[in-house]
Structure formats: C-alpha cells, structure tokens
Protein backbone atom coordinates (compact mmCIF):
# COMPACT_ATOMS: atom_id res chain seq x y z
CA MET A 1 113.49 -52.33 -13.22
CA PHE A 2 110.05 -53.98 -13.42
CA GLU A 3 108.44 -51.58 -15.91
CA ASP A 4 108.08 -54.22 -18.63
CA TRP A 5 106.51 -56.67 -16.18
CA ILE A 6 104.01 -54.02 -15.05
CA LYS A 7 103.11 -53.06 -18.65
CA GLU A 8 102.52 -56.67 -19.66
CA LYS A 9 99.04 -56.80 -18.06
CA GLN A 10 97.14 -54.96 -15.33
CA THR A 11 97.01 -57.94 -12.96
CA ALA A 12 99.07 -61.04 -12.24
CA THR A 13 97.99 -64.43 -10.94
CA ASP A 14 99.78 -66.18 -8.12
CA HIS A 15 101.30 -68.50 -10.73
CA ASP A 16 102.74 -65.49 -12.64
CA ILE A 17 104.34 -64.26 -9.42
CA GLU A 18 105.70 -67.70 -8.63
CA LYS A 19 107.27 -67.93 -12.10
CA ASP A 20 108.67 -64.38 -12.23
CA PHE A 21 109.60 -63.71 -8.58
CA GLN A 22 110.19 -67.27 -7.30
CA ILE A 23 107.67 -66.81 -4.46
CA PRO A 24 105.79 -70.10 -4.08
CA VAL A 25 102.00 -70.10 -4.44
CA ASN A 26 101.67 -71.63 -0.96
CA THR A 27 103.70 -68.80 0.55
CA LEU A 28 101.48 -66.23 -1.14
CA LYS A 29 98.44 -68.08 0.21
CA LYS A 30 99.89 -68.17 3.72
CA TRP A 31 100.57 -64.42 3.58
CA ARG A 32 97.02 -63.73 2.33
CA LEU A 33 95.41 -65.74 5.12
CA ASP A 34 97.54 -64.34 7.97
CA LYS A 35 96.06 -61.01 9.00
CA ASP A 36 99.25 -60.04 10.90
CA THR A 37 101.45 -60.40 7.80
CA ASP A 38 102.02 -57.50 5.44
CA SER A 39 100.84 -59.31 2.32
CA PRO A 40 100.72 -57.82 -1.18
CA MET A 41 97.44 -56.26 -2.32
CA HIS A 42 95.18 -58.85 -3.91
CA PHE A 43 91.57 -59.56 -4.78
CA ARG A 44 89.52 -62.58 -5.71
CA LEU A 45 87.77 -62.87 -9.05
CA GLY A 46 85.80 -66.10 -9.11
CA ASP A 47 88.23 -68.82 -8.14
CA LYS A 48 91.36 -66.82 -9.07
CA ILE A 49 93.48 -64.59 -6.87
CA LEU A 50 94.74 -61.54 -8.77
CA TYR A 51 97.44 -59.09 -7.77
CA PRO A 52 97.62 -55.60 -9.32
CA ARG A 53 101.07 -55.65 -10.91
CA ALA A 54 102.10 -52.10 -9.97
CA ALA A 55 101.01 -52.60 -6.36
CA PHE A 56 102.82 -55.94 -6.16
CA VAL A 57 106.08 -54.44 -7.45
CA GLU A 58 105.77 -51.58 -4.95
CA TRP A 59 105.23 -54.10 -2.12
CA PHE A 60 108.11 -56.29 -3.38
CA LEU A 61 110.56 -53.38 -3.55
CA LYS A 62 109.53 -52.20 -0.08
CA HIS A 63 110.46 -55.63 1.30
CA THR A 64 113.75 -55.90 -0.60
CA LYS A 65 115.03 -52.32 -0.33
CA ASN A 66 117.76 -53.20 2.20
CA LYS A 67 119.02 -56.17 0.21
CA LYS A 68 121.24 -54.47 -2.40
CA ALA A 69 124.16 -56.92 -2.24
CA GLN A 70 125.22 -58.87 -5.29
CA VAL A 71 123.94 -62.41 -5.55
CA VAL A 72 126.82 -64.81 -5.02
CA PRO A 73 126.49 -68.45 -6.06
CA ILE A 74 126.88 -70.85 -3.16
CA GLY A 75 128.43 -73.56 -5.31
CA SER A 76 131.86 -74.87 -4.50
CA ASN A 77 134.84 -75.95 -6.55
CA ARG A 78 135.50 -78.90 -4.29
CA THR A 79 135.32 -82.37 -5.68
CA LYS A 80 134.97 -85.70 -3.95
CA ALA A 81 138.75 -86.12 -4.14
CA ASN A 82 139.59 -82.87 -2.30
CA ILE A 83 136.55 -82.50 -0.03
CA SER A 84 138.60 -82.68 3.20
CA GLU A 85 141.01 -79.91 2.12
CA LYS A 86 140.35 -76.37 3.30
C-alpha cells in the first residue's frame, strides 16, 4: 500500500508527512513533545526532524488498523431552496 512512498527515500520530513498523510506539522510536534503519547519514531538532524519512512508507515498502520470502512463524503445535495426539507 505504501511501498512506493517507502522506496522514495529513507527518511521523511514532517512536511512530507503533512503533505502525504494530512497530519499537520503542529500535531506531529505535539506528539513528539508529549512523552505519554505513542509518537512515530523520529530523530533530529540539525534543525530538521526526520522520520524513517518504513517505521512511520508501520506506526501509521498500527494506529489505523481498525478503521477499514470506506470513506464517505459528508457533502449534501441540499440547496438553499430545500434546506428545511428532510
């Protein structure tokens, strides 16, 4: 499922993860700083935070393994004219 993403490079920055997994950089930072949170494996190289891609995917799948349902759009077909109809 994520094989191509893992093969792309050995590590990913927090911005790569934000772009590809829609996890905000601030959320990743909050998880890193909270010792009680099961955060993804990471390390600091200078002023960058790097995540080993294979370890991140393993962590991500562990946290999403019970969420196998199809994604359903929340949008509605209602318009302003028929908003009060059920």
